[in-house]
């Protein structure tokens, strides 16, 4: 029972809608129920966005508070990770939920292209978000869409800017950003091992690349992310019926590579994220 694999479930995101897949949870009650199913299937981190009634993304702290409260009630011990992503707001609005003191929050430390826009993360905004996370003792999960983001995260952590243990997630498969590329993935892993040997890393693939990146990460000894935010299908012909189904698929890969799925207790120990009292 060595080297357990943490499975993060990205339950909703900012883009998928029920028109794309009816299983996408949009309302807070739907999100809580979907997260509970994923938790029971093996997910120990919930990566959370919130939506308006018309399914558009928002950074509304009140919605985040309701979602956080519901997950903590129905999924005791699960790590709640709130998104500070740029599709849901601008400027300091993106960190408006950090005073809620979630266990973790996503943090992008550099800019890059997205399918139809620039995902802008200015140095000043990154510094402010990191400072807010430190103030509220929120461990960041670095979302790296490019090699420069990994290097930047290692530097910022070394300088004491980032709170807690360093945790870097490679995001691969976003159109106009880093594609799902095995050679690049292997290089990312090598960079983490040589430049941040005490850090933990995770990998997420978008669309049909999700299952590939899940397998690469699990086989390489890292952690992985799945969920309807990143991919809405089991295969070309079949919509995923739930977040739990995607978590089970990742858990099956853990079994294939003889890695236990991390419990929430193990995930918290690995990432240095204690339960708040």
Protein backbone atom coordinates (compact mmCIF):
# COMPACT_ATOMS: atom_id res chain seq x y z
CA UNK A 1 0.00 0.00 0.00
CA UNK A 2 2.66 2.47 -1.03
CA UNK A 3 2.39 5.59 -3.16
CA UNK A 4 -1.38 6.09 -3.15
CA UNK A 5 -2.83 8.10 -6.03
CA UNK A 6 -4.94 11.15 -5.31
CA UNK A 7 -7.92 11.48 -7.65
CA UNK A 8 -9.29 15.00 -8.07
CA UNK A 9 -12.75 15.38 -9.59
CA UNK A 10 -13.45 18.61 -11.51
CA UNK A 11 -17.20 18.49 -11.23
CA UNK A 12 -18.52 21.37 -13.33
CA UNK A 13 -16.05 23.91 -14.72
CA UNK A 14 -17.07 27.08 -16.50
CA UNK A 15 -17.82 25.81 -20.00
CA UNK A 16 -19.80 22.51 -20.19
CA UNK A 17 -23.58 22.84 -20.15
CA UNK A 18 -26.50 20.47 -19.86
CA UNK A 19 -26.97 20.84 -23.61
CA UNK A 20 -23.55 19.20 -23.97
CA UNK A 21 -24.26 16.51 -21.38
CA UNK A 22 -27.32 16.41 -19.10
CA UNK A 23 -25.14 14.97 -16.33
CA UNK A 24 -23.21 18.24 -15.88
CA UNK A 25 -24.15 19.49 -12.40
CA UNK A 26 -25.01 23.18 -12.46
CA UNK A 27 -27.06 24.10 -9.41
CA UNK A 28 -25.45 23.86 -5.99
CA UNK A 29 -27.65 20.89 -4.93
CA UNK A 30 -26.73 19.07 -8.16
CA UNK A 31 -23.06 19.76 -7.56
CA UNK A 32 -23.21 18.47 -3.99
CA UNK A 33 -24.95 15.26 -5.09
CA UNK A 34 -22.52 14.70 -7.96
CA UNK A 35 -19.53 15.33 -5.70
CA UNK A 36 -20.86 12.88 -3.13
CA UNK A 37 -21.13 10.16 -5.78
CA UNK A 38 -17.58 10.93 -6.96
CA UNK A 39 -16.31 10.89 -3.36
CA UNK A 40 -17.78 7.44 -2.84
CA UNK A 41 -16.12 6.31 -6.10
CA UNK A 42 -12.68 7.36 -4.84
CA UNK A 43 -12.18 11.10 -5.40
CA UNK A 44 -10.52 12.85 -2.47
CA UNK A 45 -10.38 16.39 -3.94
CA UNK A 46 -13.33 18.32 -5.37
CA UNK A 47 -12.31 21.07 -7.79
CA UNK A 48 -15.24 23.48 -7.77
CA UNK A 49 -16.70 26.24 -9.94
CA UNK A 50 -20.13 27.80 -9.49
CA UNK A 51 -22.72 28.90 -12.03
CA UNK A 52 -25.58 31.32 -12.37
CA UNK A 53 -29.11 30.09 -13.03
CA UNK A 54 -28.53 30.49 -16.79
CA UNK A 55 -25.43 28.24 -16.52
CA UNK A 56 -22.97 31.11 -17.06
CA UNK A 57 -19.92 31.04 -14.77
CA UNK A 58 -19.57 33.27 -11.74
CA UNK A 59 -17.25 33.85 -8.80
CA UNK A 60 -20.13 34.62 -6.41
CA UNK A 61 -18.78 33.95 -2.89
CA UNK A 62 -22.29 33.18 -1.61
CA UNK A 63 -22.68 30.32 -4.09
CA UNK A 64 -19.21 29.05 -3.26
CA UNK A 65 -20.09 29.16 0.45
CA UNK A 66 -23.20 27.05 -0.07
CA UNK A 67 -21.29 24.55 -2.20
CA UNK A 68 -18.41 24.31 0.29
CA UNK A 69 -20.82 23.82 3.18
CA UNK A 70 -22.71 21.10 1.33
CA UNK A 71 -19.59 19.16 0.33
CA UNK A 72 -18.18 19.34 3.84
CA UNK A 73 -21.48 18.01 5.22
CA UNK A 74 -22.06 15.18 2.73
CA UNK A 75 -18.41 14.29 1.94
CA UNK A 76 -16.69 14.59 5.33
CA UNK A 77 -12.93 14.89 5.01
CA UNK A 78 -12.90 15.51 1.26
CA UNK A 79 -10.56 18.32 0.22
CA UNK A 80 -12.54 21.27 -1.11
CA UNK A 81 -10.66 23.17 -3.78
CA UNK A 82 -12.27 26.35 -5.12
CA UNK A 83 -11.40 27.80 -8.52
CA UNK A 84 -9.94 31.27 -8.99
CA UNK A 85 -10.04 30.77 -12.76
CA UNK A 86 -10.38 33.65 -15.17
CA UNK A 87 -13.54 32.58 -16.98
CA UNK A 88 -15.60 33.32 -13.87
CA UNK A 89 -14.56 36.87 -13.17
CA UNK A 90 -11.87 39.53 -13.47
CA UNK A 91 -9.26 41.00 -11.17
CA UNK A 92 -9.80 40.65 -7.44
CA UNK A 93 -13.27 39.24 -8.07
CA UNK A 94 -11.49 35.97 -8.90
CA UNK A 95 -10.31 35.65 -5.30
CA UNK A 96 -13.48 36.77 -3.57
CA UNK A 97 -14.13 33.28 -2.22
CA UNK A 98 -10.74 32.86 -0.53
CA UNK A 99 -11.93 34.33 2.82
CA UNK A 100 -14.18 31.25 3.00
CA UNK A 101 -10.94 29.38 3.80
CA UNK A 102 -11.33 26.38 1.54
CA UNK A 103 -8.70 23.67 1.92
CA UNK A 104 -7.21 24.52 -1.47
CA UNK A 105 -7.71 26.85 -4.42
CA UNK A 106 -6.50 26.73 -7.98
CA UNK A 107 -3.86 29.24 -9.01
CA UNK A 108 -2.53 29.98 -12.48
CA UNK A 109 0.83 31.74 -12.32
CA UNK A 110 1.14 32.79 -15.97
CA UNK A 111 -0.85 33.66 -19.07
CA UNK A 112 -1.50 31.58 -22.18
CA UNK A 113 -3.92 31.21 -25.06
CA UNK A 114 -7.27 29.48 -24.66
CA UNK A 115 -9.54 28.39 -27.54
CA UNK A 116 -10.98 31.86 -28.22
CA UNK A 117 -9.19 34.22 -25.83
CA UNK A 118 -6.09 34.97 -23.85
CA UNK A 119 -6.16 33.52 -20.36
CA UNK A 120 -4.56 36.48 -18.64
CA UNK A 121 -2.82 36.14 -15.30
CA UNK A 122 -0.74 39.23 -14.73
CA UNK A 123 2.13 39.16 -12.21
CA UNK A 124 0.26 41.63 -10.00
CA UNK A 125 -2.89 39.48 -9.95
CA UNK A 126 -0.89 36.31 -9.29
CA UNK A 127 0.89 38.03 -6.40
CA UNK A 128 -2.41 39.23 -4.91
CA UNK A 129 -4.11 35.84 -5.21
CA UNK A 130 -1.09 34.10 -3.66
CA UNK A 131 -1.07 36.65 -0.83
CA UNK A 132 -4.78 36.08 -0.15
CA UNK A 133 -4.20 32.32 -0.07
CA UNK A 134 -1.38 32.77 2.41
CA UNK A 135 -3.50 35.09 4.58
CA UNK A 136 -6.32 32.55 4.75
CA UNK A 137 -4.03 29.48 4.84
CA UNK A 138 -5.33 28.08 1.56
CA UNK A 139 -2.98 25.69 -0.22
CA UNK A 140 -2.73 26.53 -3.93
CA UNK A 141 -2.92 23.94 -6.66
CA UNK A 142 -0.86 25.38 -9.50
CA UNK A 143 -2.60 24.90 -12.83
CA UNK A 144 0.24 24.78 -15.35
CA UNK A 145 -0.77 25.22 -18.98
CA UNK A 146 2.82 25.72 -20.12
CA UNK A 147 6.37 24.85 -19.07
CA UNK A 148 6.98 28.43 -17.95
CA UNK A 149 4.17 28.07 -15.41
CA UNK A 150 5.93 25.11 -13.80
CA UNK A 151 9.22 26.99 -13.59
CA UNK A 152 7.45 30.05 -12.19
CA UNK A 153 5.64 27.99 -9.56
CA UNK A 154 8.88 26.41 -8.38
CA UNK A 155 10.48 29.85 -8.13
CA UNK A 156 7.55 31.40 -6.26
CA UNK A 157 7.42 28.53 -3.81
CA UNK A 158 11.15 28.78 -3.21
CA UNK A 159 10.73 32.48 -2.45
CA UNK A 160 7.99 31.75 0.09
CA UNK A 161 5.23 33.37 -1.96
CA UNK A 162 3.07 30.23 -2.15
CA UNK A 163 1.46 28.88 1.01
CA UNK A 164 1.98 25.26 2.07
CA UNK A 165 3.47 22.41 0.09
CA UNK A 166 4.03 22.87 -3.64
CA UNK A 167 1.45 21.03 -5.74
CA UNK A 168 1.61 21.44 -9.52
CA UNK A 169 -0.98 20.17 -11.97
CA UNK A 170 -0.10 19.80 -15.65
CA UNK A 171 -3.12 20.73 -17.79
CA UNK A 172 -2.86 19.27 -21.28
CA UNK A 173 -5.22 19.35 -24.21
CA UNK A 174 -6.65 22.88 -24.08
CA UNK A 175 -6.85 24.17 -27.64
CA UNK A 176 -4.04 26.70 -28.37
CA UNK A 177 -2.24 25.75 -25.15
CA UNK A 178 -0.15 22.64 -24.41
CA UNK A 179 -1.43 19.59 -26.31
CA UNK A 180 -1.61 16.06 -24.98
CA UNK A 181 1.96 15.08 -25.83
CA UNK A 182 3.81 12.22 -24.17
CA UNK A 183 7.28 13.66 -24.73
CA UNK A 184 6.22 16.94 -23.14
CA UNK A 185 4.55 15.12 -20.26
CA UNK A 186 7.71 13.13 -19.56
CA UNK A 187 9.73 16.34 -19.61
CA UNK A 188 7.34 17.98 -17.14
CA UNK A 189 7.75 15.03 -14.79
CA UNK A 190 11.54 15.22 -15.13
CA UNK A 191 11.52 18.95 -14.32
CA UNK A 192 9.48 18.33 -11.17
CA UNK A 193 11.79 15.53 -10.05
CA UNK A 194 15.01 17.46 -10.61
CA UNK A 195 13.96 20.99 -9.60
CA UNK A 196 11.28 20.35 -6.97
CA UNK A 197 11.93 16.84 -5.67
CA UNK A 198 9.91 17.40 -2.51
CA UNK A 199 6.84 18.65 -4.38
CA UNK A 200 3.84 16.66 -5.54
CA UNK A 201 2.38 16.80 -9.03
CA UNK A 202 -0.84 15.92 -10.78
CA UNK A 203 -1.96 15.81 -14.41
CA UNK A 204 -5.22 16.52 -16.19
CA UNK A 205 -6.16 15.92 -19.81
CA UNK A 206 -8.95 17.67 -21.69
CA UNK A 207 -11.46 15.92 -23.95
CA UNK A 208 -10.34 12.58 -25.39
CA UNK A 209 -6.92 13.23 -23.85
CA UNK A 210 -8.33 12.79 -20.34
CA UNK A 211 -7.97 9.00 -20.20
CA UNK A 212 -4.50 9.16 -21.77
CA UNK A 213 -3.19 11.69 -19.26
CA UNK A 214 -4.87 9.83 -16.39
CA UNK A 215 -2.96 6.70 -17.35
CA UNK A 216 0.35 8.49 -17.91
CA UNK A 217 0.13 10.19 -14.51
CA UNK A 218 -0.87 7.09 -12.60
CA UNK A 219 1.81 4.96 -14.27
CA UNK A 220 4.47 7.62 -13.60
CA UNK A 221 3.69 7.80 -9.88
CA UNK A 222 1.83 11.12 -9.87
CA UNK A 223 -1.72 12.09 -9.07
CA UNK A 224 -4.52 12.78 -11.54
CA UNK A 225 -7.68 14.74 -12.25
CA UNK A 226 -10.85 13.68 -14.01
CA UNK A 227 -14.43 14.93 -14.21
CA UNK A 228 -17.02 16.52 -16.45
CA UNK A 229 -15.28 19.91 -16.47
CA UNK A 230 -12.55 18.47 -18.66
CA UNK A 231 -14.32 15.73 -20.58
CA UNK A 232 -17.97 14.75 -21.05
CA UNK A 233 -17.55 11.37 -22.73
CA UNK A 234 -16.53 7.82 -21.94
CA UNK A 235 -15.75 7.33 -25.62
CA UNK A 236 -16.63 8.90 -28.96
CA UNK A 237 -20.16 7.50 -28.91
CA UNK A 238 -20.96 7.52 -25.19
CA UNK A 239 -21.60 10.47 -22.87
CA UNK A 240 -20.30 10.02 -19.35
CA UNK A 241 -23.31 9.36 -17.12
CA UNK A 242 -21.76 11.09 -14.11
CA UNK A 243 -18.60 12.43 -12.54
CA UNK A 244 -18.48 9.21 -10.54
CA UNK A 245 -18.18 7.18 -13.75
CA UNK A 246 -15.07 9.13 -14.73
CA UNK A 247 -13.62 8.73 -11.24
CA UNK A 248 -14.21 4.98 -11.41
CA UNK A 249 -12.37 4.87 -14.72
CA UNK A 250 -9.35 6.53 -13.09
CA UNK A 251 -9.62 4.22 -10.09
CA UNK A 252 -9.55 1.23 -12.43
CA UNK A 253 -6.28 2.53 -13.86
CA UNK A 254 -4.88 2.75 -10.34
CA UNK A 255 -5.69 -0.93 -9.91
CA UNK A 256 -4.02 -1.71 -13.25
CA UNK A 257 -0.80 -0.09 -12.08
CA UNK A 258 -1.08 -1.50 -8.56
CA UNK A 259 -1.50 1.86 -6.88
CA UNK A 260 -4.07 2.27 -4.14
CA UNK A 261 -6.56 5.11 -4.54
CA UNK A 262 -5.76 7.67 -1.85
CA UNK A 263 -8.27 8.06 0.92
CA UNK A 264 -9.09 11.59 1.99
CA UNK A 265 -6.86 11.07 5.04
CA UNK A 266 -3.94 10.03 2.83
CA UNK A 267 -4.56 12.89 0.41
CA UNK A 268 -4.45 15.41 3.24
CA UNK A 269 -1.25 13.90 4.60
CA UNK A 270 0.44 13.86 1.19
CA UNK A 271 -0.50 17.46 0.40
CA UNK A 272 -0.06 18.80 3.92
CA UNK A 273 -3.68 19.98 4.12
CA UNK A 274 -5.05 19.36 7.63
CA UNK A 275 -8.69 19.37 8.55
CA UNK A 276 -9.69 22.79 9.82
CA UNK A 277 -11.00 22.84 13.37
